[in-house]
Protein backbone atom coordinates (compact mmCIF):
# COMPACT_ATOMS: atom_id res chain seq x y z
CA MET A 1 -2.52 -28.71 -7.24
CA ASP A 2 -5.99 -27.18 -8.19
CA ILE A 3 -6.73 -27.03 -4.70
CA LEU A 4 -3.81 -25.83 -3.26
CA ARG A 5 -3.69 -23.06 -6.26
CA PHE A 6 -7.56 -22.01 -4.77
CA LEU A 7 -6.39 -22.05 -0.73
CA CYS A 8 -2.98 -19.39 -2.04
CA GLY A 9 -5.62 -17.59 -3.51
CA VAL A 10 -8.31 -16.99 -0.86
CA LEU A 11 -5.33 -16.32 1.70
CA GLY A 12 -4.03 -14.24 -0.72
CA ASN A 13 -7.46 -12.33 -0.80
CA ALA A 14 -7.94 -12.39 3.11
CA VAL A 15 -4.11 -10.83 4.11
CA GLY A 16 -5.15 -8.64 0.47
CA LEU A 17 -8.10 -6.95 2.77
CA PHE A 18 -6.05 -6.04 5.53
CA LEU A 19 -3.72 -4.50 2.77
CA PHE A 20 -6.51 -2.14 1.81
CA LEU A 21 -7.97 -1.20 5.45
CA ALA A 22 -4.79 -1.23 6.77
CA PRO A 23 -4.73 2.83 5.96
CA ILE A 24 -8.23 3.26 7.37
CA MET A 25 -6.56 4.81 10.96
CA THR A 26 -5.16 7.15 8.35
CA PHE A 27 -8.20 7.85 7.32
CA LYS A 28 -10.06 8.63 9.98
CA ARG A 29 -7.96 11.21 11.27
CA ILE A 30 -8.07 12.95 8.28
CA ILE A 31 -11.48 12.78 8.41
CA ARG A 32 -11.72 14.34 12.16
CA SER A 33 -9.55 16.87 11.85
CA GLN A 34 -10.87 18.02 7.83
CA SER A 35 -7.52 18.17 6.89
CA THR A 36 -4.85 15.69 4.70
CA GLU A 37 -2.27 17.31 7.01
CA GLN A 38 1.08 16.04 5.26
CA PHE A 39 -0.11 13.40 3.83
CA SER A 40 0.16 12.53 0.03
CA GLY A 41 -2.65 11.41 -2.30
CA VAL A 42 -0.90 10.30 -5.10
CA PRO A 43 -0.11 6.66 -3.46
CA TYR A 44 -3.70 5.77 -3.25
CA VAL A 45 -4.41 7.23 -7.06
CA ILE A 46 -1.54 4.78 -8.44
CA SER A 47 -3.22 1.95 -6.22
CA LEU A 48 -7.00 2.65 -7.35
CA LEU A 49 -5.61 2.08 -11.07
CA ASN A 50 -3.76 -0.76 -10.24
CA CYS A 51 -5.96 -2.66 -8.61
CA LEU A 52 -8.41 -1.83 -12.10
CA LEU A 53 -6.00 -3.93 -13.62
CA TYR A 54 -5.86 -6.26 -11.72
CA THR A 55 -9.94 -6.92 -12.00
CA TRP A 56 -9.41 -6.47 -15.80
CA TYR A 57 -6.73 -8.88 -16.31
CA GLY A 58 -8.34 -12.21 -13.63
CA LEU A 59 -11.92 -11.48 -16.17
CA PRO A 60 -12.40 -14.71 -18.00
CA PHE A 61 -12.23 -13.15 -21.49
CA VAL A 62 -8.25 -11.87 -20.74
CA SER A 63 -6.97 -14.60 -18.37
CA SER A 64 -8.95 -18.17 -17.68
CA ASP A 65 -9.82 -19.13 -14.35
CA ASN A 66 -8.28 -16.09 -12.10
CA LEU A 67 -11.52 -14.90 -10.71
CA LEU A 68 -10.07 -14.95 -7.05
CA ILE A 69 -7.99 -11.49 -8.60
CA SER A 70 -11.16 -10.05 -9.75
CA ILE A 71 -12.87 -10.86 -6.47
CA ILE A 72 -10.31 -8.89 -4.52
CA SER A 73 -8.65 -6.94 -6.82
CA GLY A 74 -12.63 -5.44 -7.18
CA ILE A 75 -12.94 -4.61 -3.79
CA GLY A 76 -9.98 -2.79 -3.66
CA VAL A 77 -11.17 -0.14 -6.22
CA VAL A 78 -14.17 0.39 -3.93
CA ILE A 79 -11.52 0.81 -0.98
CA GLU A 80 -8.78 3.11 -2.52
CA PHE A 81 -11.95 5.15 -4.79
CA THR A 82 -12.99 5.80 -1.08
CA TYR A 83 -9.45 6.84 0.11
CA VAL A 84 -9.22 8.95 -3.12
CA SER A 85 -12.67 10.69 -2.75
CA ILE A 86 -11.39 11.61 1.24
CA PHE A 87 -8.30 13.13 -0.12
CA ILE A 88 -10.51 15.28 -2.87
CA THR A 89 -13.10 16.52 -0.04
CA ASN A 90 -10.57 16.75 2.59
CA GLY A 91 -7.29 18.05 0.72
CA PRO A 92 -6.41 22.14 0.11
CA LYS A 93 -7.45 23.36 -3.34
CA LYS A 94 -3.87 22.76 -4.77
CA GLU A 95 -3.56 18.98 -3.57
CA ARG A 96 -7.42 18.68 -4.49
CA ALA A 97 -6.30 19.59 -7.91
CA LYS A 98 -3.74 17.48 -8.15
CA ILE A 99 -5.35 14.45 -7.34
CA ILE A 100 -8.73 15.15 -9.11
CA GLY A 101 -6.14 15.53 -12.08
CA LEU A 102 -4.47 12.43 -11.58
CA CYS A 103 -7.55 10.06 -11.38
CA ALA A 104 -9.49 11.50 -14.19
CA LEU A 105 -5.72 10.52 -15.69
CA ALA A 106 -5.92 7.30 -14.27
CA LEU A 107 -9.27 6.41 -15.45
CA ILE A 108 -9.05 7.48 -18.92
CA LEU A 109 -5.79 5.25 -19.12
CA PHE A 110 -7.83 2.90 -18.07
CA ILE A 111 -10.97 3.05 -20.30
CA THR A 112 -8.41 3.81 -22.99
CA PHE A 113 -6.24 0.43 -22.18
CA ALA A 114 -9.84 -1.42 -21.49
CA PHE A 115 -11.17 -0.95 -24.86
CA VAL A 116 -7.98 -1.28 -26.82
CA SER A 117 -7.46 -5.03 -25.32
CA LEU A 118 -11.18 -5.49 -25.70
CA PHE A 119 -11.97 -4.61 -29.04
CA ALA A 120 -8.57 -4.42 -31.01
CA LEU A 121 -6.69 -7.07 -29.49
CA HIS A 122 -7.56 -11.46 -29.09
CA GLY A 123 -7.03 -13.89 -27.67
CA LYS A 124 -2.77 -14.68 -26.15
CA THR A 125 -2.60 -10.88 -27.88
CA ARG A 126 -5.02 -9.46 -25.05
CA LYS A 127 -3.71 -11.54 -22.52
CA LEU A 128 -0.04 -10.52 -23.31
CA LEU A 129 -0.75 -6.58 -23.58
CA CYS A 130 -2.98 -6.83 -20.33
CA GLY A 131 -0.15 -8.67 -18.22
CA ILE A 132 2.92 -6.19 -19.61
CA THR A 133 0.91 -2.98 -18.60
CA LEU A 134 -0.36 -5.44 -15.13
CA ASP A 135 3.77 -5.70 -14.26
CA ILE A 136 4.66 -2.47 -15.39
CA SER A 137 1.76 -0.99 -12.85
CA SER A 138 2.62 -3.21 -10.21
CA THR A 139 6.73 -2.29 -10.44
CA ILE A 140 5.93 1.24 -9.76
CA MET A 141 3.20 0.81 -7.10
CA TYR A 142 5.84 -1.63 -5.07
CA ALA A 143 8.26 1.29 -5.48
CA SER A 144 7.00 3.35 -2.87
CA PRO A 145 8.09 1.45 -0.07
CA LEU A 146 11.84 2.35 -1.14
CA SER A 147 11.45 6.28 0.33
CA VAL A 148 10.47 4.32 3.74
CA MET A 149 12.97 1.86 3.85
CA MET A 150 15.85 4.62 2.98
CA SER A 151 14.28 6.41 5.80
CA VAL A 152 14.46 3.57 8.08
CA ILE A 153 17.89 3.48 7.00
CA LYS A 154 19.15 7.02 7.65
CA LYS A 155 17.05 7.42 10.84
CA LYS A 156 18.16 3.81 12.14
CA SER A 157 14.28 3.46 13.12
CA VAL A 158 11.23 1.75 12.62
CA GLU A 159 9.60 4.61 13.91
CA PHE A 160 7.04 4.99 10.50
CA MET A 161 7.47 1.33 8.83
CA PRO A 162 4.99 -0.55 10.75
CA PHE A 163 5.79 -4.41 11.74
CA LEU A 164 2.08 -5.71 10.83
CA LEU A 165 1.97 -3.65 7.31
CA SER A 166 5.67 -5.14 5.90
CA LEU A 167 4.44 -9.04 7.77
CA PHE A 168 1.03 -8.89 5.92
CA THR A 169 3.06 -7.39 2.70
CA PHE A 170 5.40 -10.44 2.61
CA LEU A 171 2.66 -12.52 2.95
CA CYS A 172 0.42 -11.07 0.47
CA GLY A 173 3.32 -11.37 -1.84
CA ILE A 174 4.27 -14.93 -1.03
CA PHE A 175 0.51 -16.29 -1.24
CA TRP A 176 -0.10 -14.54 -4.96
CA LEU A 177 3.62 -15.55 -5.91
CA THR A 178 2.83 -19.28 -4.98
CA TYR A 179 -0.56 -18.77 -6.68
CA GLY A 180 1.43 -17.12 -10.31
CA LEU A 181 4.02 -20.37 -10.09
CA LEU A 182 0.97 -22.74 -9.47
CA SER A 183 -0.61 -21.20 -12.58
CA ARG A 184 2.41 -21.03 -14.63
CA ASP A 185 1.54 -17.10 -14.63
CA PRO A 186 4.56 -14.65 -15.81
CA PHE A 187 2.51 -11.65 -15.36
CA LEU A 188 1.84 -12.98 -11.49
CA ILE A 189 4.67 -14.47 -11.05
CA VAL A 190 7.02 -10.91 -11.60
CA PRO A 191 5.09 -8.47 -10.11
CA ASN A 192 4.71 -10.44 -6.71
CA GLY A 193 7.95 -11.30 -6.69
CA LEU A 194 8.60 -8.25 -6.21
CA GLY A 195 6.34 -7.39 -3.41
CA THR A 196 7.55 -10.79 -1.41
CA GLY A 197 11.23 -9.51 -2.06
CA LEU A 198 10.28 -5.76 -0.92
CA GLY A 199 8.16 -8.02 1.72
CA THR A 200 11.24 -9.50 2.92
CA ALA A 201 13.88 -6.23 3.18
CA GLN A 202 11.15 -4.73 5.09
CA LEU A 203 11.14 -7.66 7.56
CA ILE A 204 15.16 -7.71 7.74
CA LEU A 205 15.29 -3.71 8.34
CA TYR A 206 12.82 -4.45 11.11
CA ALA A 207 14.86 -6.50 12.62
CA ILE A 208 18.02 -4.78 12.61
CA TYR A 209 16.33 -1.66 13.79
CA CYS A 210 13.46 -2.07 16.17
CA LYS A 211 15.66 -2.33 18.96
CA ASN A 212 16.65 1.45 18.22
CA GLN A 213 12.57 2.38 17.90
CA SER A 214 12.61 1.53 21.69
CA HIS A 215 15.92 3.17 22.43
CA MET A 216 14.22 6.09 20.67
CA THR A 217 11.04 5.60 23.15
CA ASN A 218 13.11 5.73 25.99
CA GLU A 219 15.42 8.64 25.20
CA ILE A 220 11.88 10.58 24.53
CA THR A 221 10.30 9.53 28.02
CA ASP A 222 13.45 10.54 29.63
CA GLU A 223 13.82 13.61 27.94
CA PHE A 224 9.83 14.15 29.38
CA ALA A 225 10.48 13.12 32.71
CA GLU A 226 13.86 15.51 32.36
CA THR A 227 11.47 18.51 31.64
CA ASP A 228 8.83 17.90 34.17
CA LEU A 229 11.22 17.66 36.91
CA GLU A 230 12.30 21.14 35.90
CA THR A 231 9.27 22.28 35.66
CA THR A 232 8.39 21.17 39.19
CA ASP A 233 11.36 22.27 40.16
CA GLN A 234 10.94 25.76 38.76
CA MET A 235 7.35 26.04 40.30
CA GLN A 236 8.90 25.14 44.05
CA LYS A 237 11.43 27.87 43.45
CA LEU A 238 8.44 30.16 42.92
CA GLY A 239 6.20 28.96 45.62
CA CYS A 240 9.26 29.54 47.77
CA LEU A 241 9.71 33.50 46.60
CA ALA A 242 6.12 33.64 47.06
């Protein structure tokens, strides 16, 4: 059981790293254009706070034998902080001030939480506070894809819900849920159970609406073809008139 638990943690780390790196193309685009366009930096601030809490929860003086959680979450802190920094550097003044304010609030909350849990609480009470706080933060983070899923249902298209991202969200939830079950840790079971459920829902939506994506792509291609034909006809007419 210990070996299976360790393997689930290692696989969870590998899949989690992929999820952290998934938005890298978006940030390449932001850096290239030197503009955040319509992208929001708020989810990355929430993810940063969540990674900080997970890193703290995995430390030996909070919960025993959860170092794998601290490792991947610590990597996530570095990656998410990099994303937030890119938003602050390239965003407009209003968005920049908003992200700086939220980031400062997240750091103040985490530092306060860390000091209280470290110096005011001990043993099971410390783990209880950290676990409840972690579950609340994780629930907020996992709720963010709901708007994308509602958009998929309304538009009947998975254009803005990449398959690989949905698949790895599901796999990450499964591995860490199994890890939590083998550890008998309710504070890992609850958030990763939610992640698994949302990942499953995204895959179901993809299975239902993926055909519509190819249909929409064909329609767009046909529209471009019709436009090209109309342009060609107009050019030919102009040539005849000349």
